[in-house]
Amino acid sequence: MRIALVTDAWTPQRNGVVRVLATLADTLGDLGHLVRVIEPSAFTTLPCPSYPEIPLALLPGRRMARMLDEFAPDAVHIATEGPLGWAGRSWCLKHHLPFTSAYHTKFPEYIHTRTGIPLDWAYGLMRRFHGPAATVLCPSPSVHRELRQKGFSNAVPWSHGVDAGLFRPGPRDFLDLPRPIFLYVGRVAVEKNLPAFLDLDLPGSKVVVGDGPARTGLMRRYPEAHFRIVNGDQELGRAYRAADVFVFPSRTDTFGLVMLEALASGVPVAAFPVTGPLDVVGGASVGVLDEDLRAAALRALTIPPEDCRRHACRFSWSRVAAEFLSHLRPFTRRARAS
């Protein structure tokens, strides 16, 4: 099958959405499908306000149409709600072709946090974007329930996976710091709620691995914490397995792939009992979910690494790809010709 994957999030951005989409594209390719990723590097872009690391395509409609016409896909999946997502959506609607979309990020909450725009307005825009989609893929059961309650009648659950070969237990010498080591990995941005982690009175060391617009300010505010940038996935894997507990302070993630990567590395999770942690950890004894994040982090120290690894290996990419394919809406030849 010829599958067009339209996304505003792609390399060199480093975040969970990019990792999910890149791994999905590779897995689909291994299964014999031809995947064309339409992403920002093919367009003129401007930096996203307040988040310059993210490029936004400028007036992408004509080029998007030309790329989709030339590729002649059998199915289109629109992964993000940015300029490319809207342009891909317009092409499908113009040609009366079905498409699927995904809800990877809680943009209404992020927009509200950054601008104060009411959540109802932002969710109204999201409903307008996703409304024509045949299905809206949700990365967790919790997000699926939330969207259905907010009027997304076409929402369906879709699991995520982890590369258990890349992220695995091993030598713990990457971080030469006093133990226990409490680790966060991910974007360093306001919506990740990092002060909830960095304000904790914990023994040992607190480490933040990642970059983002809030990094410089947090480094000044928390000089006792250790901020690191890693080079590539191999170093990232070493950083995970060097930790004693992975602390995930976000309250707005739709899933939290970094938690799975930590668990696959044999590192237990401490988090709030909210969407994301509830889906990755749930009731399994591989993490502690508590509104008292300090208590959760300290209790997680006693969790056996092998339990964490076993739990994470249940989230396979083969299952993720199979679910994705089951939700696609391929065109008929007649529809594509129109």
C-alpha atoms as a PDB file:
ATOM      1  CA  MET A   1       0.000   0.000   0.000  1.00  0.00           C
ATOM      2  CA  ARG A   2       1.165   3.548  -0.774  1.00  0.00           C
ATOM      3  CA  ILE A   3       0.692   5.524   2.440  1.00  0.00           C
ATOM      4  CA  ALA A   4       1.133   9.300   2.712  1.00  0.00           C
ATOM      5  CA  LEU A   5       2.041  10.377   6.250  1.00  0.00           C
ATOM      6  CA  VAL A   6       1.595  14.129   6.713  1.00  0.00           C
ATOM      7  CA  THR A   7       3.258  15.616   9.788  1.00  0.00           C
ATOM      8  CA  ASP A   8       4.441  18.984  11.082  1.00  0.00           C
ATOM      9  CA  ALA A   9       6.650  17.137  13.610  1.00  0.00           C
ATOM     10  CA  TRP A  10       9.737  15.457  12.198  1.00  0.00           C
ATOM     11  CA  THR A  11      13.475  15.236  12.586  1.00  0.00           C
ATOM     12  CA  PRO A  12      15.648  16.992  13.654  1.00  0.00           C
ATOM     13  CA  GLN A  13      12.986  17.707  16.291  1.00  0.00           C
ATOM     14  CA  ARG A  14      13.418  15.298  19.195  1.00  0.00           C
ATOM     15  CA  ASN A  15      10.214  14.406  20.965  1.00  0.00           C
ATOM     16  CA  GLY A  16       7.835  11.514  21.498  1.00  0.00           C
ATOM     17  CA  VAL A  17       5.661  12.326  18.490  1.00  0.00           C
ATOM     18  CA  VAL A  18       8.636  12.264  16.125  1.00  0.00           C
ATOM     19  CA  ARG A  19       9.889   8.987  17.580  1.00  0.00           C
ATOM     20  CA  VAL A  20       6.445   7.389  17.231  1.00  0.00           C
ATOM     21  CA  LEU A  21       6.012   8.510  13.630  1.00  0.00           C
ATOM     22  CA  ALA A  22       9.555   7.638  12.543  1.00  0.00           C
ATOM     23  CA  THR A  23       9.357   4.165  14.089  1.00  0.00           C
ATOM     24  CA  LEU A  24       5.905   3.629  12.615  1.00  0.00           C
ATOM     25  CA  ALA A  25       7.158   4.585   9.125  1.00  0.00           C
ATOM     26  CA  ASP A  26      10.127   2.211   9.443  1.00  0.00           C
ATOM     27  CA  THR A  27       7.919  -0.637  10.689  1.00  0.00           C
ATOM     28  CA  LEU A  28       5.424  -0.145   7.867  1.00  0.00           C
ATOM     29  CA  GLY A  29       8.307  -0.151   5.396  1.00  0.00           C
ATOM     30  CA  ASP A  30       9.572  -3.441   6.823  1.00  0.00           C
ATOM     31  CA  LEU A  31       6.089  -4.864   6.233  1.00  0.00           C
ATOM     32  CA  GLY A  32       6.319  -3.977   2.537  1.00  0.00           C
ATOM     33  CA  HIS A  33       4.340  -0.730   2.447  1.00  0.00           C
ATOM     34  CA  LEU A  34       5.633   2.363   0.639  1.00  0.00           C
ATOM     35  CA  VAL A  35       5.461   5.306   3.041  1.00  0.00           C
ATOM     36  CA  ARG A  36       5.944   8.898   1.912  1.00  0.00           C
ATOM     37  CA  VAL A  37       6.507  11.239   4.842  1.00  0.00           C
ATOM     38  CA  ILE A  38       5.518  14.818   3.972  1.00  0.00           C
ATOM     39  CA  GLU A  39       7.242  16.984   6.579  1.00  0.00           C
ATOM     40  CA  PRO A  40       8.524  20.564   7.079  1.00  0.00           C
ATOM     41  CA  SER A  41      11.937  20.246   5.391  1.00  0.00           C
ATOM     42  CA  ALA A  42      10.238  20.230   1.972  1.00  0.00           C
ATOM     43  CA  PHE A  43       8.643  23.651   2.596  1.00  0.00           C
ATOM     44  CA  THR A  44       9.535  27.237   3.401  1.00  0.00           C
ATOM     45  CA  THR A  45       9.173  27.525   7.165  1.00  0.00           C
ATOM     46  CA  LEU A  46       9.058  30.019   9.999  1.00  0.00           C
ATOM     47  CA  PRO A  47       9.985  29.289  13.633  1.00  0.00           C
ATOM     48  CA  CYS A  48       7.023  28.629  15.908  1.00  0.00           C
ATOM     49  CA  PRO A  49       6.370  31.589  18.248  1.00  0.00           C
ATOM     50  CA  SER A  50       7.697  30.823  21.747  1.00  0.00           C
ATOM     51  CA  TYR A  51       9.078  27.498  20.489  1.00  0.00           C
ATOM     52  CA  PRO A  52      11.606  28.294  17.732  1.00  0.00           C
ATOM     53  CA  GLU A  53      12.885  24.710  17.555  1.00  0.00           C
ATOM     54  CA  ILE A  54       9.640  23.805  15.766  1.00  0.00           C
ATOM     55  CA  PRO A  55       9.444  24.948  12.104  1.00  0.00           C
ATOM     56  CA  LEU A  56       6.007  25.836  10.733  1.00  0.00           C
ATOM     57  CA  ALA A  57       5.409  25.554   6.991  1.00  0.00           C
ATOM     58  CA  LEU A  58       4.480  28.834   5.316  1.00  0.00           C
ATOM     59  CA  LEU A  59       1.512  28.653   2.900  1.00  0.00           C
ATOM     60  CA  PRO A  60       2.061  24.957   2.093  1.00  0.00           C
ATOM     61  CA  GLY A  61      -1.189  24.301   0.204  1.00  0.00           C
ATOM     62  CA  ARG A  62       0.009  24.237  -3.420  1.00  0.00           C
ATOM     63  CA  ARG A  63       3.180  22.300  -2.731  1.00  0.00           C
ATOM     64  CA  MET A  64       1.275  19.838  -0.551  1.00  0.00           C
ATOM     65  CA  ALA A  65      -1.237  19.244  -3.347  1.00  0.00           C
ATOM     66  CA  ARG A  66       1.544  18.724  -5.880  1.00  0.00           C
ATOM     67  CA  MET A  67       3.377  16.238  -3.628  1.00  0.00           C
ATOM     68  CA  LEU A  68       0.230  14.228  -2.938  1.00  0.00           C
ATOM     69  CA  ASP A  69      -0.797  14.258  -6.600  1.00  0.00           C
ATOM     70  CA  GLU A  70       2.641  12.997  -7.631  1.00  0.00           C
ATOM     71  CA  PHE A  71       2.791  10.292  -4.963  1.00  0.00           C
ATOM     72  CA  ALA A  72      -0.783   9.102  -5.679  1.00  0.00           C
ATOM     73  CA  PRO A  73      -1.311   7.481  -2.276  1.00  0.00           C
ATOM     74  CA  ASP A  74      -3.698   4.658  -1.511  1.00  0.00           C
ATOM     75  CA  ALA A  75      -4.302   6.149   1.946  1.00  0.00           C
ATOM     76  CA  VAL A  76      -3.518   9.379   3.791  1.00  0.00           C
ATOM     77  CA  HIS A  77      -2.819   9.755   7.497  1.00  0.00           C
ATOM     78  CA  ILE A  78      -2.563  13.259   8.966  1.00  0.00           C
ATOM     79  CA  ALA A  79      -0.546  13.101  12.164  1.00  0.00           C
ATOM     80  CA  THR A  80      -0.553  16.713  13.380  1.00  0.00           C
ATOM     81  CA  GLU A  81      -2.792  19.768  13.465  1.00  0.00           C
ATOM     82  CA  GLY A  82      -0.203  22.274  12.169  1.00  0.00           C
ATOM     83  CA  PRO A  83      -0.021  24.003   8.767  1.00  0.00           C
ATOM     84  CA  LEU A  84       0.891  20.783   6.943  1.00  0.00           C
ATOM     85  CA  GLY A  85      -1.921  18.931   8.656  1.00  0.00           C
ATOM     86  CA  TRP A  86      -4.443  21.552   7.549  1.00  0.00           C
ATOM     87  CA  ALA A  87      -3.049  21.505   3.986  1.00  0.00           C
ATOM     88  CA  GLY A  88      -3.235  17.710   3.764  1.00  0.00           C
ATOM     89  CA  ARG A  89      -6.753  17.794   5.180  1.00  0.00           C
ATOM     90  CA  SER A  90      -7.795  20.351   2.525  1.00  0.00           C
ATOM     91  CA  TRP A  91      -6.417  18.161  -0.294  1.00  0.00           C
ATOM     92  CA  CYS A  92      -8.387  15.151   0.920  1.00  0.00           C
ATOM     93  CA  LEU A  93     -11.589  17.157   1.315  1.00  0.00           C
ATOM     94  CA  LYS A  94     -11.187  18.767  -2.120  1.00  0.00           C
ATOM     95  CA  HIS A  95     -10.914  15.343  -3.758  1.00  0.00           C
ATOM     96  CA  HIS A  96     -13.589  13.773  -1.524  1.00  0.00           C
ATOM     97  CA  LEU A  97     -11.092  11.231  -0.213  1.00  0.00           C
ATOM     98  CA  PRO A  98     -11.154   9.662   3.258  1.00  0.00           C
ATOM     99  CA  PHE A  99      -8.265  10.189   5.647  1.00  0.00           C
ATOM    100  CA  THR A 100      -7.310   9.325   9.192  1.00  0.00           C
ATOM    101  CA  SER A 101      -5.839  11.710  11.739  1.00  0.00           C
ATOM    102  CA  ALA A 102      -4.194  11.429  15.152  1.00  0.00           C
ATOM    103  CA  TYR A 103      -4.348  13.304  18.432  1.00  0.00           C
ATOM    104  CA  HIS A 104      -0.775  13.056  19.722  1.00  0.00           C
ATOM    105  CA  THR A 105      -0.622  16.275  21.724  1.00  0.00           C
ATOM    106  CA  LYS A 106      -2.982  18.133  24.049  1.00  0.00           C
ATOM    107  CA  PHE A 107      -2.713  21.374  22.112  1.00  0.00           C
ATOM    108  CA  PRO A 108      -5.726  22.959  23.842  1.00  0.00           C
ATOM    109  CA  GLU A 109      -3.999  22.643  27.223  1.00  0.00           C
ATOM    110  CA  TYR A 110      -0.666  23.836  25.807  1.00  0.00           C
ATOM    111  CA  ILE A 111      -2.278  26.840  24.113  1.00  0.00           C
ATOM    112  CA  HIS A 112      -4.185  27.664  27.289  1.00  0.00           C
ATOM    113  CA  THR A 113      -0.999  27.463  29.377  1.00  0.00           C
ATOM    114  CA  ARG A 114       0.947  29.712  27.023  1.00  0.00           C
ATOM    115  CA  THR A 115      -1.721  32.244  26.006  1.00  0.00           C
ATOM    116  CA  GLY A 116      -4.699  31.974  28.353  1.00  0.00           C
ATOM    117  CA  ILE A 117      -7.057  31.193  25.450  1.00  0.00           C
ATOM    118  CA  PRO A 118     -10.077  29.327  26.890  1.00  0.00           C
ATOM    119  CA  LEU A 119      -9.930  25.550  26.591  1.00  0.00           C
ATOM    120  CA  ASP A 120     -13.403  25.424  25.018  1.00  0.00           C
ATOM    121  CA  TRP A 121     -12.240  27.585  22.113  1.00  0.00           C
ATOM    122  CA  ALA A 122      -9.160  25.463  21.495  1.00  0.00           C
ATOM    123  CA  TYR A 123     -11.120  22.213  21.682  1.00  0.00           C
ATOM    124  CA  GLY A 124     -13.627  23.685  19.250  1.00  0.00           C
ATOM    125  CA  LEU A 125     -10.789  24.193  16.751  1.00  0.00           C
ATOM    126  CA  MET A 126      -9.595  20.623  17.330  1.00  0.00           C
ATOM    127  CA  ARG A 127     -13.095  19.258  16.704  1.00  0.00           C
ATOM    128  CA  ARG A 128     -13.239  21.235  13.468  1.00  0.00           C
ATOM    129  CA  PHE A 129      -9.867  19.853  12.349  1.00  0.00           C
ATOM    130  CA  HIS A 130     -10.574  16.211  13.188  1.00  0.00           C
ATOM    131  CA  GLY A 131     -14.290  16.198  12.405  1.00  0.00           C
ATOM    132  CA  PRO A 132     -14.001  15.099   8.737  1.00  0.00           C
ATOM    133  CA  ALA A 133     -11.511  12.299   9.525  1.00  0.00           C
ATOM    134  CA  ALA A 134     -12.711   8.724   9.153  1.00  0.00           C
ATOM    135  CA  THR A 135     -11.039   7.975  12.487  1.00  0.00           C
ATOM    136  CA  VAL A 136      -8.965   9.947  14.993  1.00  0.00           C
ATOM    137  CA  LEU A 137      -6.245   7.737  16.460  1.00  0.00           C
ATOM    138  CA  CYS A 138      -5.752   8.312  20.203  1.00  0.00           C
ATOM    139  CA  PRO A 139      -2.497   7.149  21.845  1.00  0.00           C
ATOM    140  CA  SER A 140      -4.114   5.859  25.021  1.00  0.00           C
ATOM    141  CA  PRO A 141      -7.463   4.660  26.411  1.00  0.00           C
ATOM    142  CA  SER A 142      -7.596   7.714  28.694  1.00  0.00           C
ATOM    143  CA  VAL A 143      -7.272  10.162  25.800  1.00  0.00           C
ATOM    144  CA  HIS A 144      -9.854   8.165  23.860  1.00  0.00           C
ATOM    145  CA  ARG A 145     -12.346   8.527  26.707  1.00  0.00           C
ATOM    146  CA  GLU A 146     -11.583  12.236  27.114  1.00  0.00           C
ATOM    147  CA  LEU A 147     -12.075  13.002  23.427  1.00  0.00           C
ATOM    148  CA  ARG A 148     -15.294  11.023  23.211  1.00  0.00           C
ATOM    149  CA  GLN A 149     -16.604  13.022  26.168  1.00  0.00           C
ATOM    150  CA  LYS A 150     -15.652  16.240  24.342  1.00  0.00           C
ATOM    151  CA  GLY A 151     -17.600  15.340  21.229  1.00  0.00           C
ATOM    152  CA  PHE A 152     -15.005  13.532  19.095  1.00  0.00           C
ATOM    153  CA  SER A 153     -17.352  10.757  17.941  1.00  0.00           C
ATOM    154  CA  ASN A 154     -14.774   9.354  15.473  1.00  0.00           C
ATOM    155  CA  ALA A 155     -12.022   8.789  18.094  1.00  0.00           C
ATOM    156  CA  VAL A 156     -10.509   5.299  18.387  1.00  0.00           C
ATOM    157  CA  PRO A 157      -7.784   3.979  20.730  1.00  0.00           C
ATOM    158  CA  TRP A 158      -4.327   3.240  19.274  1.00  0.00           C
ATOM    159  CA  SER A 159      -1.440   1.889  21.313  1.00  0.00           C
ATOM    160  CA  HIS A 160       2.219   2.985  21.175  1.00  0.00           C
ATOM    161  CA  GLY A 161       5.326   0.841  21.418  1.00  0.00           C
ATOM    162  CA  VAL A 162       8.957   0.841  22.498  1.00  0.00           C
ATOM    163  CA  ASP A 163      12.187  -0.364  20.896  1.00  0.00           C
ATOM    164  CA  ALA A 164      13.190  -2.931  23.512  1.00  0.00           C
ATOM    165  CA  GLY A 165      16.429  -3.617  21.657  1.00  0.00           C
ATOM    166  CA  LEU A 166      17.633  -0.043  21.892  1.00  0.00           C
ATOM    167  CA  PHE A 167      16.287   0.650  25.392  1.00  0.00           C
ATOM    168  CA  ARG A 168      17.413  -2.156  27.676  1.00  0.00           C
ATOM    169  CA  PRO A 169      19.180  -2.688  31.017  1.00  0.00           C
ATOM    170  CA  GLY A 170      22.960  -2.545  31.050  1.00  0.00           C
ATOM    171  CA  PRO A 171      25.963  -0.779  32.614  1.00  0.00           C
ATOM    172  CA  ARG A 172      24.925   2.174  34.781  1.00  0.00           C
ATOM    173  CA  ASP A 173      28.111   4.243  34.510  1.00  0.00           C
ATOM    174  CA  PHE A 174      26.931   6.991  32.134  1.00  0.00           C
ATOM    175  CA  LEU A 175      25.989   9.407  34.933  1.00  0.00           C
ATOM    176  CA  ASP A 176      28.771   9.669  37.515  1.00  0.00           C
ATOM    177  CA  LEU A 177      26.682  11.347  40.207  1.00  0.00           C
ATOM    178  CA  PRO A 178      25.640  10.670  43.800  1.00  0.00           C
ATOM    179  CA  ARG A 179      22.867   8.089  44.019  1.00  0.00           C
ATOM    180  CA  PRO A 180      20.004   7.635  43.905  1.00  0.00           C
ATOM    181  CA  ILE A 181      19.659   9.310  40.509  1.00  0.00           C
ATOM    182  CA  PHE A 182      16.190  10.668  39.672  1.00  0.00           C
ATOM    183  CA  LEU A 183      15.916  11.270  35.926  1.00  0.00           C
ATOM    184  CA  TYR A 184      13.636  13.191  33.569  1.00  0.00           C
ATOM    185  CA  VAL A 185      13.962  12.860  29.781  1.00  0.00           C
ATOM    186  CA  GLY A 186      12.020  14.942  27.279  1.00  0.00           C
ATOM    187  CA  ARG A 187      11.244  18.446  26.089  1.00  0.00           C
ATOM    188  CA  VAL A 188      12.172  21.153  28.553  1.00  0.00           C
ATOM    189  CA  ALA A 189       9.092  23.329  28.201  1.00  0.00           C
ATOM    190  CA  VAL A 190       6.506  24.904  30.462  1.00  0.00           C
ATOM    191  CA  GLU A 191       3.845  22.297  29.711  1.00  0.00           C
ATOM    192  CA  LYS A 192       6.076  19.521  31.068  1.00  0.00           C
ATOM    193  CA  ASN A 193       5.670  20.888  34.622  1.00  0.00           C
ATOM    194  CA  LEU A 194       9.346  20.353  35.490  1.00  0.00           C
ATOM    195  CA  PRO A 195       9.334  22.516  38.658  1.00  0.00           C
ATOM    196  CA  ALA A 196       7.082  19.857  40.209  1.00  0.00           C
ATOM    197  CA  PHE A 197      10.093  17.539  39.920  1.00  0.00           C
ATOM    198  CA  LEU A 198      12.932  19.986  40.507  1.00  0.00           C
ATOM    199  CA  ASP A 199      11.328  21.457  43.641  1.00  0.00           C
ATOM    200  CA  LEU A 200      11.270  18.036  45.360  1.00  0.00           C
ATOM    201  CA  ASP A 201      13.463  17.408  48.377  1.00  0.00           C
ATOM    202  CA  LEU A 202      15.115  14.169  47.248  1.00  0.00           C
ATOM    203  CA  PRO A 203      18.368  12.445  48.173  1.00  0.00           C
ATOM    204  CA  GLY A 204      21.110  11.904  45.601  1.00  0.00           C
ATOM    205  CA  SER A 205      20.865  13.702  42.253  1.00  0.00           C
ATOM    206  CA  LYS A 206      18.202  15.137  39.959  1.00  0.00           C
ATOM    207  CA  VAL A 207      18.990  14.977  36.223  1.00  0.00           C
ATOM    208  CA  VAL A 208      17.156  16.548  33.282  1.00  0.00           C
ATOM    209  CA  VAL A 209      18.037  15.242  29.816  1.00  0.00           C
ATOM    210  CA  GLY A 210      16.658  17.252  26.929  1.00  0.00           C
ATOM    211  CA  ASP A 211      16.351  20.682  25.373  1.00  0.00           C
ATOM    212  CA  GLY A 212      13.623  23.244  24.937  1.00  0.00           C
ATOM    213  CA  PRO A 213      12.629  26.873  25.476  1.00  0.00           C
ATOM    214  CA  ALA A 214      12.513  26.602  29.285  1.00  0.00           C
ATOM    215  CA  ARG A 215      15.955  25.042  29.697  1.00  0.00           C
ATOM    216  CA  THR A 216      18.028  28.186  30.256  1.00  0.00           C
ATOM    217  CA  GLY A 217      15.630  29.599  32.828  1.00  0.00           C
ATOM    218  CA  LEU A 218      15.387  26.318  34.715  1.00  0.00           C
ATOM    219  CA  MET A 219      19.168  25.951  34.791  1.00  0.00           C
ATOM    220  CA  ARG A 220      19.413  29.350  36.486  1.00  0.00           C
ATOM    221  CA  ARG A 221      16.557  28.591  38.867  1.00  0.00           C
ATOM    222  CA  TYR A 222      17.829  25.120  39.864  1.00  0.00           C
ATOM    223  CA  PRO A 223      21.645  25.237  39.912  1.00  0.00           C
ATOM    224  CA  GLU A 224      21.815  22.060  42.013  1.00  0.00           C
ATOM    225  CA  ALA A 225      20.134  19.977  39.274  1.00  0.00           C
ATOM    226  CA  HIS A 226      22.124  18.438  36.415  1.00  0.00           C
ATOM    227  CA  PHE A 227      21.043  19.364  32.889  1.00  0.00           C
ATOM    228  CA  ARG A 228      22.381  17.214  30.056  1.00  0.00           C
ATOM    229  CA  ILE A 229      22.101  16.948  26.283  1.00  0.00           C
ATOM    230  CA  VAL A 230      22.723  13.512  24.783  1.00  0.00           C
ATOM    231  CA  ASN A 231      23.970  12.755  21.281  1.00  0.00           C
ATOM    232  CA  GLY A 232      21.854  10.112  19.596  1.00  0.00           C
ATOM    233  CA  ASP A 233      19.831   7.168  20.757  1.00  0.00           C
ATOM    234  CA  GLN A 234      22.759   5.118  22.032  1.00  0.00           C
ATOM    235  CA  GLU A 235      23.700   7.836  24.518  1.00  0.00           C
ATOM    236  CA  LEU A 236      20.051   8.279  25.401  1.00  0.00           C
ATOM    237  CA  GLY A 237      19.782   4.585  26.200  1.00  0.00           C
ATOM    238  CA  ARG A 238      22.848   4.836  28.458  1.00  0.00           C
ATOM    239  CA  ALA A 239      21.305   7.813  30.255  1.00  0.00           C
ATOM    240  CA  TYR A 240      18.085   5.914  30.958  1.00  0.00           C
ATOM    241  CA  ARG A 241      19.724   2.826  32.402  1.00  0.00           C
ATOM    242  CA  ALA A 242      22.040   4.889  34.599  1.00  0.00           C
ATOM    243  CA  ALA A 243      19.045   6.175  36.587  1.00  0.00           C
ATOM    244  CA  ASP A 244      17.392   4.709  39.666  1.00  0.00           C
ATOM    245  CA  VAL A 245      13.941   6.263  39.116  1.00  0.00           C
ATOM    246  CA  PHE A 246      12.375   8.004  36.145  1.00  0.00           C
ATOM    247  CA  VAL A 247      10.279  10.980  37.284  1.00  0.00           C
ATOM    248  CA  PHE A 248       7.531  12.159  34.934  1.00  0.00           C
ATOM    249  CA  PRO A 249       5.926  15.380  36.245  1.00  0.00           C
ATOM    250  CA  SER A 250       3.760  16.225  33.224  1.00  0.00           C
ATOM    251  CA  ARG A 251      -0.009  16.457  33.685  1.00  0.00           C
ATOM    252  CA  THR A 252      -0.828  17.134  30.020  1.00  0.00           C
ATOM    253  CA  ASP A 253       0.782  14.331  27.971  1.00  0.00           C
ATOM    254  CA  THR A 254      -1.421  12.063  25.890  1.00  0.00           C
ATOM    255  CA  PHE A 255       0.847   9.062  26.479  1.00  0.00           C
ATOM    256  CA  GLY A 256       4.448   9.684  27.546  1.00  0.00           C
ATOM    257  CA  LEU A 257       6.642   7.403  25.423  1.00  0.00           C
ATOM    258  CA  VAL A 258       9.651   8.271  27.588  1.00  0.00           C
ATOM    259  CA  MET A 259       8.095   6.284  30.430  1.00  0.00           C
ATOM    260  CA  LEU A 260       8.061   3.160  28.267  1.00  0.00           C
ATOM    261  CA  GLU A 261      11.685   3.772  27.268  1.00  0.00           C
ATOM    262  CA  ALA A 262      12.663   4.068  30.929  1.00  0.00           C
ATOM    263  CA  LEU A 263      10.764   0.917  31.881  1.00  0.00           C
ATOM    264  CA  ALA A 264      12.361  -1.031  29.023  1.00  0.00           C
ATOM    265  CA  SER A 265      15.706   0.103  30.457  1.00  0.00           C
ATOM    266  CA  GLY A 266      14.758  -1.411  33.815  1.00  0.00           C
ATOM    267  CA  VAL A 267      13.995   1.927  35.489  1.00  0.00           C
ATOM    268  CA  PRO A 268      10.764   2.346  37.524  1.00  0.00           C
ATOM    269  CA  VAL A 269       8.491   5.372  37.054  1.00  0.00           C
ATOM    270  CA  ALA A 270       7.201   7.975  39.500  1.00  0.00           C
ATOM    271  CA  ALA A 271       4.398  10.191  38.211  1.00  0.00           C
ATOM    272  CA  PHE A 272       1.069  11.827  38.931  1.00  0.00           C
ATOM    273  CA  PRO A 273      -2.053   9.649  38.474  1.00  0.00           C
ATOM    274  CA  VAL A 274      -3.135  11.364  35.241  1.00  0.00           C
ATOM    275  CA  THR A 275      -3.579  10.561  31.545  1.00  0.00           C
ATOM    276  CA  GLY A 276      -0.352   9.063  30.235  1.00  0.00           C
ATOM    277  CA  PRO A 277       1.013   7.497  33.427  1.00  0.00           C
ATOM    278  CA  LEU A 278      -2.342   5.816  34.035  1.00  0.00           C
ATOM    279  CA  ASP A 279      -2.066   4.208  30.594  1.00  0.00           C
ATOM    280  CA  VAL A 280       1.628   3.296  30.628  1.00  0.00           C
ATOM    281  CA  VAL A 281       1.908   2.200  34.265  1.00  0.00           C
ATOM    282  CA  GLY A 282      -1.710   1.785  35.339  1.00  0.00           C
ATOM    283  CA  GLY A 283      -2.025  -0.699  38.166  1.00  0.00           C
ATOM    284  CA  ALA A 284       1.177  -2.575  37.326  1.00  0.00           C
ATOM    285  CA  SER A 285       3.856  -2.734  40.011  1.00  0.00           C
ATOM    286  CA  VAL A 286       6.430  -1.009  37.793  1.00  0.00           C
ATOM    287  CA  GLY A 287       5.897   2.524  39.047  1.00  0.00           C
ATOM    288  CA  VAL A 288       4.198   4.633  41.681  1.00  0.00           C
ATOM    289  CA  LEU A 289       1.465   7.089  40.760  1.00  0.00           C
ATOM    290  CA  ASP A 290       0.681   9.567  43.509  1.00  0.00           C
ATOM    291  CA  GLU A 291      -0.304  13.215  43.880  1.00  0.00           C
ATOM    292  CA  ASP A 292       2.636  13.357  46.312  1.00  0.00           C
ATOM    293  CA  LEU A 293       5.386  13.096  43.686  1.00  0.00           C
ATOM    294  CA  ARG A 294       8.161  12.981  46.280  1.00  0.00           C
ATOM    295  CA  ALA A 295       6.568   9.994  47.991  1.00  0.00           C
ATOM    296  CA  ALA A 296       6.122   8.322  44.610  1.00  0.00           C
ATOM    297  CA  ALA A 297       9.795   8.834  43.706  1.00  0.00           C
ATOM    298  CA  LEU A 298      11.049   7.417  46.989  1.00  0.00           C
ATOM    299  CA  ARG A 299       8.730   4.399  46.921  1.00  0.00           C
ATOM    300  CA  ALA A 300       9.696   3.614  43.321  1.00  0.00           C
ATOM    301  CA  LEU A 301      13.283   2.965  44.472  1.00  0.00           C
ATOM    302  CA  THR A 302      12.242  -0.476  45.729  1.00  0.00           C
ATOM    303  CA  ILE A 303      10.768  -1.738  42.429  1.00  0.00           C
ATOM    304  CA  PRO A 304      12.773  -4.560  40.753  1.00  0.00           C
ATOM    305  CA  PRO A 305      14.228  -3.623  37.320  1.00  0.00           C
ATOM    306  CA  GLU A 306      13.211  -6.950  35.790  1.00  0.00           C
ATOM    307  CA  ASP A 307       9.541  -6.212  36.500  1.00  0.00           C
ATOM    308  CA  CYS A 308       9.854  -2.904  34.637  1.00  0.00           C
ATOM    309  CA  ARG A 309      11.497  -4.535  31.652  1.00  0.00           C
ATOM    310  CA  ARG A 310       8.901  -7.299  31.434  1.00  0.00           C
ATOM    311  CA  HIS A 311       6.037  -4.788  31.485  1.00  0.00           C
ATOM    312  CA  ALA A 312       7.540  -2.568  28.756  1.00  0.00           C
ATOM    313  CA  CYS A 313       8.147  -5.491  26.390  1.00  0.00           C
ATOM    314  CA  ARG A 314       4.382  -5.969  26.125  1.00  0.00           C
ATOM    315  CA  PHE A 315       4.229  -2.755  24.036  1.00  0.00           C
ATOM    316  CA  SER A 316       5.509  -4.074  20.680  1.00  0.00           C
ATOM    317  CA  TRP A 317       5.782  -2.035  17.495  1.00  0.00           C
ATOM    318  CA  SER A 318       4.389  -4.893  15.423  1.00  0.00           C
ATOM    319  CA  ARG A 319       1.106  -4.534  17.322  1.00  0.00           C
ATOM    320  CA  VAL A 320       1.179  -0.752  16.906  1.00  0.00           C
ATOM    321  CA  ALA A 321       1.635  -1.050  13.122  1.00  0.00           C
ATOM    322  CA  ALA A 322      -1.117  -3.670  12.830  1.00  0.00           C
ATOM    323  CA  GLU A 323      -3.573  -1.426  14.695  1.00  0.00           C
ATOM    324  CA  PHE A 324      -2.595   1.540  12.529  1.00  0.00           C
ATOM    325  CA  LEU A 325      -3.212  -0.406   9.320  1.00  0.00           C
ATOM    326  CA  SER A 326      -6.571  -1.638  10.589  1.00  0.00           C
ATOM    327  CA  HIS A 327      -7.741   1.973  11.020  1.00  0.00           C
ATOM    328  CA  LEU A 328      -6.553   3.308   7.639  1.00  0.00           C
ATOM    329  CA  ARG A 329      -9.169   4.088   4.997  1.00  0.00           C
ATOM    330  CA  PRO A 330      -7.661   3.188   1.596  1.00  0.00           C
ATOM    331  CA  PHE A 331      -9.140   4.877  -1.465  1.00  0.00           C
ATOM    332  CA  THR A 332     -10.856   2.966  -4.203  1.00  0.00           C
ATOM    333  CA  ARG A 333      -9.174   3.336  -7.596  1.00  0.00           C
ATOM    334  CA  ARG A 334     -12.158   5.248  -8.859  1.00  0.00           C
ATOM    335  CA  ALA A 335     -12.025   7.706  -5.943  1.00  0.00           C
ATOM    336  CA  ARG A 336      -8.296   8.291  -6.343  1.00  0.00           C
ATOM    337  CA  ALA A 337      -8.654   8.951 -10.063  1.00  0.00           C
ATOM    338  CA  SER A 338     -11.158  11.715  -9.337  1.00  0.00           C
END
